[in-house]
Amino acid sequence: MSQTVDRALSILPLLAEGPANLEQVASRLGVHKSTALRLLRTLHEHGIVYRQQDQRYRLGARLFALAQEAVENLDVREIAHPHLAELNEKCGHTVHLAVYEENEVLYIDKVESRYPVRMYSRIGKPVAITVAAVAKLLLADLPEPERRAVAERLDYPMYTSRSIPNAAAFLKELATVREQGWATDLGGHEESINCIGAPIRGADGRAVAACSVSAPNVVVTADELLALLPLLRRTADAISAEYSGTTRTPDKSPAPVKSPAPVKSQLPDKTHAPERNREKEARP
């Protein structure tokens, strides 16, 4: 990077802290005031900085407009898909990508399992919002008042004995998900389907989407699926880094995940599972 460009870009973090005068800018850059003035004039001409009446400079409206336009044109599905395909290649199970829009959590991408037992889920179809791992992640990231309001207006169908029964239990689950940074659906929507999920975050740290790995327990047990959580979280981190334009170091040694003791014993016996060539409808 040329020295001039480097100096000009170094002005932006300074002005992000608040308005600054010419002397402050020159001091931060370690240059003469005439050099700082040339840089500020150029940035001002392009609307990147604005000179106030008190002769101090602040970030300009054009910079915010460009940032907003860039965010609006980001396609999380396009960015995520290669990572999801790689995740699917490594684990072999169904991989989903979901977003929260207009009070629903919707699948926007899917990579099918390589196994004969397939999961019936469609892109564009809402998930079972009170039990799905991706839904828990996206709702857990909402501000507390909004999170509570959403929880209180939802219905709580008892799909299985492990479905979440009411708003109080749902809010407690969302608090856990928010703290740990990942979510599960272990037989909450269908007895024989398990799912793990991780959030995809933007530059501001907010969840913009969530990805998941799902599998019937005739293919892997809940414990075996939970063992894939580090791989899933590294995938989510990689997508987040590319989406937000930041450099992140994935956690290569996450803390071991402990599955709830009763879960494994409560899963249906594989000997009573449907035939492998039968498609199961599920919304993990």
Protein backbone atom coordinates (compact mmCIF):
# COMPACT_ATOMS: atom_id res chain seq x y z
CA MET A 1 0.00 0.00 0.00
CA SER A 2 1.33 3.45 -0.92
CA GLN A 3 2.22 5.78 1.91
CA THR A 4 -0.39 8.34 0.83
CA VAL A 5 -3.23 5.80 0.81
CA ASP A 6 -2.06 4.38 4.11
CA ARG A 7 -2.07 7.82 5.72
CA ALA A 8 -5.49 8.69 4.29
CA LEU A 9 -7.02 5.47 5.60
CA SER A 10 -5.43 6.05 9.00
CA ILE A 11 -7.49 9.22 9.36
CA LEU A 12 -10.78 7.30 9.35
CA PRO A 13 -10.33 5.42 12.65
CA LEU A 14 -9.32 8.72 14.30
CA LEU A 15 -12.48 10.47 13.10
CA ALA A 16 -14.56 7.47 14.11
CA GLU A 17 -13.65 8.40 17.69
CA GLY A 18 -15.15 11.88 17.12
CA PRO A 19 -14.42 15.15 15.32
CA ALA A 20 -10.77 16.21 15.19
CA ASN A 21 -8.98 19.36 14.06
CA LEU A 22 -6.08 19.62 11.64
CA GLU A 23 -3.45 19.61 14.36
CA GLN A 24 -4.87 16.44 15.92
CA VAL A 25 -4.93 14.66 12.59
CA ALA A 26 -1.37 15.68 11.77
CA SER A 27 -0.20 14.57 15.21
CA ARG A 28 -1.89 11.17 14.90
CA LEU A 29 -0.35 10.60 11.46
CA GLY A 30 3.04 11.96 12.47
CA VAL A 31 3.15 14.37 9.50
CA HIS A 32 3.31 18.11 8.88
CA LYS A 33 -0.02 19.93 8.97
CA SER A 34 0.25 20.76 5.26
CA THR A 35 0.41 17.04 4.42
CA ALA A 36 -2.55 16.29 6.68
CA LEU A 37 -4.52 19.13 5.09
CA ARG A 38 -3.98 17.74 1.56
CA LEU A 39 -5.25 14.35 2.68
CA LEU A 40 -8.27 15.83 4.41
CA ARG A 41 -9.15 17.98 1.41
CA THR A 42 -9.07 14.95 -0.89
CA LEU A 43 -11.26 12.93 1.47
CA HIS A 44 -13.60 15.92 1.82
CA GLU A 45 -13.96 16.24 -1.95
CA HIS A 46 -15.16 12.62 -2.09
CA GLY A 47 -17.55 13.04 0.84
CA ILE A 48 -15.59 10.63 3.01
CA VAL A 49 -14.94 13.33 5.63
CA TYR A 50 -16.81 16.56 6.35
CA ARG A 51 -15.43 19.85 7.66
CA GLN A 52 -17.61 21.42 10.32
CA GLN A 53 -18.08 25.14 10.93
CA ASP A 54 -15.69 24.93 13.87
CA GLN A 55 -13.01 23.70 11.39
CA ARG A 56 -12.96 20.21 12.86
CA TYR A 57 -13.41 17.19 10.64
CA ARG A 58 -15.75 14.24 11.06
CA LEU A 59 -16.69 11.23 8.97
CA GLY A 60 -18.82 12.17 5.99
CA ALA A 61 -22.26 10.98 4.92
CA ARG A 62 -20.84 9.42 1.76
CA LEU A 63 -18.84 6.95 3.84
CA PHE A 64 -21.97 5.80 5.67
CA ALA A 65 -23.89 5.54 2.40
CA LEU A 66 -21.18 3.36 0.88
CA ALA A 67 -21.09 1.14 3.96
CA GLN A 68 -24.88 0.72 3.91
CA GLU A 69 -24.89 -0.05 0.21
CA ALA A 70 -22.16 -2.65 0.68
CA VAL A 71 -24.09 -4.33 3.48
CA GLU A 72 -27.31 -4.40 1.47
CA ASN A 73 -25.54 -6.00 -1.47
CA LEU A 74 -23.94 -8.75 0.60
CA ASP A 75 -25.48 -12.12 -0.15
CA VAL A 76 -24.88 -14.38 2.82
CA ARG A 77 -26.09 -17.40 0.87
CA GLU A 78 -23.59 -16.83 -1.93
CA ILE A 79 -20.76 -16.37 0.55
CA ALA A 80 -21.78 -19.31 2.73
CA HIS A 81 -22.52 -21.95 0.11
CA PRO A 82 -18.92 -23.05 -0.68
CA HIS A 83 -18.26 -23.40 3.05
CA LEU A 84 -21.47 -25.37 3.57
CA ALA A 85 -20.61 -27.66 0.67
CA GLU A 86 -17.18 -28.29 2.19
CA LEU A 87 -18.77 -29.01 5.57
CA ASN A 88 -21.14 -31.47 3.91
CA GLU A 89 -18.24 -33.13 2.13
CA LYS A 90 -16.44 -33.62 5.45
CA CYS A 91 -19.34 -34.86 7.55
CA GLY A 92 -21.74 -36.31 4.98
CA HIS A 93 -24.88 -35.00 6.69
CA THR A 94 -27.55 -32.51 5.66
CA VAL A 95 -26.44 -28.90 6.04
CA HIS A 96 -28.84 -25.95 6.21
CA LEU A 97 -28.53 -22.16 6.17
CA ALA A 98 -31.33 -20.08 7.67
CA VAL A 99 -32.21 -16.42 8.29
CA TYR A 100 -34.79 -14.57 10.40
CA GLU A 101 -37.19 -12.53 8.29
CA GLU A 102 -40.61 -11.07 9.12
CA ASN A 103 -41.09 -13.10 12.29
CA GLU A 104 -40.14 -16.39 10.63
CA VAL A 105 -36.94 -18.38 10.37
CA LEU A 106 -36.52 -19.60 6.80
CA TYR A 107 -34.15 -21.98 5.09
CA ILE A 108 -32.26 -20.21 2.31
CA ASP A 109 -29.80 -22.97 1.39
CA LYS A 110 -29.43 -26.72 1.78
CA VAL A 111 -26.79 -29.32 0.94
CA GLU A 112 -28.16 -32.86 0.95
CA SER A 113 -26.81 -35.77 2.95
CA ARG A 114 -24.83 -38.45 1.16
CA TYR A 115 -26.71 -41.13 3.08
CA PRO A 116 -29.78 -42.99 1.76
CA VAL A 117 -31.95 -41.63 4.56
CA ARG A 118 -32.79 -38.10 3.43
CA MET A 119 -34.45 -35.25 5.28
CA TYR A 120 -37.41 -33.55 3.68
CA SER A 121 -36.86 -29.82 3.99
CA ARG A 122 -37.17 -27.11 1.36
CA ILE A 123 -35.43 -23.82 0.69
CA GLY A 124 -37.83 -21.00 1.48
CA LYS A 125 -39.83 -23.08 3.96
CA PRO A 126 -40.19 -21.85 7.57
CA VAL A 127 -38.65 -23.99 10.30
CA ALA A 128 -40.39 -25.15 13.46
CA ILE A 129 -39.42 -21.97 15.26
CA THR A 130 -39.77 -23.17 18.87
CA VAL A 131 -37.52 -26.23 18.49
CA ALA A 132 -35.17 -25.74 15.51
CA ALA A 133 -31.51 -25.12 16.37
CA VAL A 134 -31.17 -22.37 13.75
CA ALA A 135 -34.26 -20.61 15.12
CA LYS A 136 -32.92 -20.71 18.67
CA LEU A 137 -29.68 -19.11 17.52
CA LEU A 138 -31.33 -16.30 15.59
CA LEU A 139 -33.93 -15.50 18.24
CA ALA A 140 -31.35 -15.70 21.04
CA ASP A 141 -29.45 -12.89 19.34
CA LEU A 142 -32.39 -10.47 19.44
CA PRO A 143 -32.39 -7.66 22.02
CA GLU A 144 -33.95 -8.86 25.28
CA PRO A 145 -37.26 -6.95 24.97
CA GLU A 146 -37.79 -8.17 21.41
CA ARG A 147 -36.73 -11.70 22.34
CA ARG A 148 -39.27 -11.78 25.17
CA ALA A 149 -42.03 -10.34 22.99
CA VAL A 150 -41.43 -12.94 20.29
CA ALA A 151 -41.39 -15.79 22.82
CA GLU A 152 -44.65 -14.67 24.41
CA ARG A 153 -46.60 -14.50 21.14
CA LEU A 154 -45.49 -17.90 19.82
CA ASP A 155 -47.50 -21.09 20.03
CA TYR A 156 -45.70 -24.13 21.45
CA PRO A 157 -46.77 -27.32 19.66
CA MET A 158 -45.63 -30.49 21.40
CA TYR A 159 -44.14 -32.24 18.35
CA THR A 160 -42.45 -34.76 20.67
CA SER A 161 -41.97 -35.24 24.38
CA ARG A 162 -38.80 -33.12 24.10
CA SER A 163 -40.44 -30.12 22.43
CA ILE A 164 -40.26 -26.83 24.35
CA PRO A 165 -43.63 -26.45 26.10
CA ASN A 166 -44.00 -22.74 26.85
CA ALA A 167 -42.53 -19.24 26.65
CA ALA A 168 -40.74 -19.46 29.99
CA ALA A 169 -38.91 -22.63 28.97
CA PHE A 170 -38.15 -21.14 25.56
CA LEU A 171 -36.63 -17.99 27.05
CA LYS A 172 -34.52 -20.12 29.37
CA GLU A 173 -33.30 -22.14 26.38
CA LEU A 174 -32.52 -18.96 24.43
CA ALA A 175 -30.49 -17.62 27.36
CA THR A 176 -28.42 -20.80 27.37
CA VAL A 177 -27.92 -20.61 23.60
CA ARG A 178 -26.93 -16.95 23.81
CA GLU A 179 -24.32 -17.73 26.46
CA GLN A 180 -22.77 -20.83 24.86
CA GLY A 181 -22.92 -19.66 21.22
CA TRP A 182 -24.43 -22.82 19.71
CA ALA A 183 -27.73 -24.68 19.77
CA THR A 184 -29.23 -28.14 19.41
CA ASP A 185 -32.49 -29.79 18.53
CA LEU A 186 -32.20 -33.33 19.87
CA GLY A 187 -35.48 -34.92 18.91
CA GLY A 188 -37.52 -31.81 19.61
CA HIS A 189 -39.30 -31.76 16.27
CA GLU A 190 -39.05 -35.42 15.31
CA GLU A 191 -37.97 -38.14 17.69
CA SER A 192 -35.51 -39.59 15.19
CA ILE A 193 -33.89 -36.36 13.95
CA ASN A 194 -31.07 -34.49 15.69
CA CYS A 195 -29.51 -31.17 14.77
CA ILE A 196 -26.69 -28.86 15.87
CA GLY A 197 -26.37 -25.22 14.85
CA ALA A 198 -23.97 -22.27 14.98
CA PRO A 199 -24.43 -18.55 14.23
CA ILE A 200 -23.00 -16.55 11.34
CA ARG A 201 -22.18 -13.01 12.42
CA GLY A 202 -21.70 -9.71 10.65
CA ALA A 203 -19.10 -7.05 11.31
CA ASP A 204 -21.15 -5.72 14.22
CA GLY A 205 -21.21 -9.11 15.91
CA ARG A 206 -24.92 -9.66 15.35
CA ALA A 207 -26.18 -12.94 13.94
CA VAL A 208 -27.16 -12.51 10.28
CA ALA A 209 -27.81 -16.20 9.67
CA ALA A 210 -27.32 -19.63 11.20
CA CYS A 211 -26.05 -22.90 9.79
CA SER A 212 -26.75 -26.40 10.99
CA VAL A 213 -25.92 -30.07 10.55
CA SER A 214 -28.79 -32.53 10.85
CA ALA A 215 -29.01 -36.30 10.76
CA PRO A 216 -31.42 -39.12 11.61
CA ASN A 217 -30.36 -41.26 14.54
CA VAL A 218 -30.33 -44.31 12.28
CA VAL A 219 -27.22 -42.72 10.73
CA VAL A 220 -25.50 -41.21 13.79
CA THR A 221 -26.37 -40.95 17.46
CA ALA A 222 -26.86 -37.62 19.21
CA ASP A 223 -23.42 -37.97 20.79
CA GLU A 224 -21.80 -38.62 17.42
CA LEU A 225 -23.52 -35.57 15.95
CA LEU A 226 -22.45 -33.38 18.87
CA ALA A 227 -18.86 -34.44 18.21
CA LEU A 228 -19.13 -32.51 14.91
CA LEU A 229 -19.81 -29.24 16.73
CA PRO A 230 -16.18 -27.98 16.56
CA LEU A 231 -16.19 -28.52 12.78
CA LEU A 232 -19.52 -26.74 12.43
CA ARG A 233 -18.37 -23.80 14.53
CA ARG A 234 -15.17 -23.42 12.51
CA THR A 235 -17.30 -23.36 9.36
CA ALA A 236 -19.57 -20.69 10.83
CA ASP A 237 -16.52 -18.65 11.87
CA ALA A 238 -15.09 -18.87 8.35
CA ILE A 239 -18.36 -17.68 6.82
CA SER A 240 -18.61 -14.88 9.37
CA ALA A 241 -15.09 -13.71 8.59
CA GLU A 242 -15.73 -13.62 4.85
CA TYR A 243 -19.14 -12.00 5.22
CA SER A 244 -17.93 -9.29 7.59
CA GLY A 245 -14.62 -8.74 5.81
CA THR A 246 -12.64 -9.41 8.96
CA THR A 247 -9.83 -11.79 9.74
CA ARG A 248 -10.68 -14.30 12.42
CA THR A 249 -8.69 -17.14 13.86
CA PRO A 250 -11.00 -20.13 14.18
CA ASP A 251 -11.01 -21.92 17.51
CA LYS A 252 -9.22 -25.12 16.62
CA SER A 253 -9.65 -26.65 20.04
CA PRO A 254 -13.12 -25.81 21.35
CA ALA A 255 -14.10 -27.05 24.77
CA PRO A 256 -15.52 -30.54 24.60
CA VAL A 257 -19.29 -30.65 24.25
CA LYS A 258 -21.23 -32.68 26.75
CA SER A 259 -24.57 -34.02 25.63
CA PRO A 260 -27.37 -34.20 28.18
CA ALA A 261 -27.25 -37.58 29.86
CA PRO A 262 -30.88 -38.58 29.18
CA VAL A 263 -30.82 -37.76 25.48
CA LYS A 264 -29.05 -40.82 24.22
CA SER A 265 -31.24 -43.22 26.13
CA GLN A 266 -34.42 -41.45 25.00
CA LEU A 267 -33.69 -41.72 21.30
CA PRO A 268 -35.68 -44.39 19.50
CA ASP A 269 -34.01 -47.77 19.18
CA LYS A 270 -32.42 -48.15 15.76
CA THR A 271 -34.15 -51.49 15.35
CA HIS A 272 -37.49 -49.66 15.28
CA ALA A 273 -36.33 -46.95 12.84
CA PRO A 274 -37.88 -46.61 9.37
CA GLU A 275 -36.23 -48.20 6.37
CA ARG A 276 -33.17 -46.33 5.08
CA ASN A 277 -34.72 -45.54 1.73
CA ARG A 278 -37.69 -43.77 3.30
CA GLU A 279 -37.51 -39.97 3.30
CA LYS A 280 -38.13 -38.31 6.63
CA GLU A 281 -39.79 -34.94 6.82
CA ALA A 282 -38.00 -32.73 9.29
CA ARG A 283 -37.25 -29.17 10.13
CA PRO A 284 -34.10 -29.28 12.27
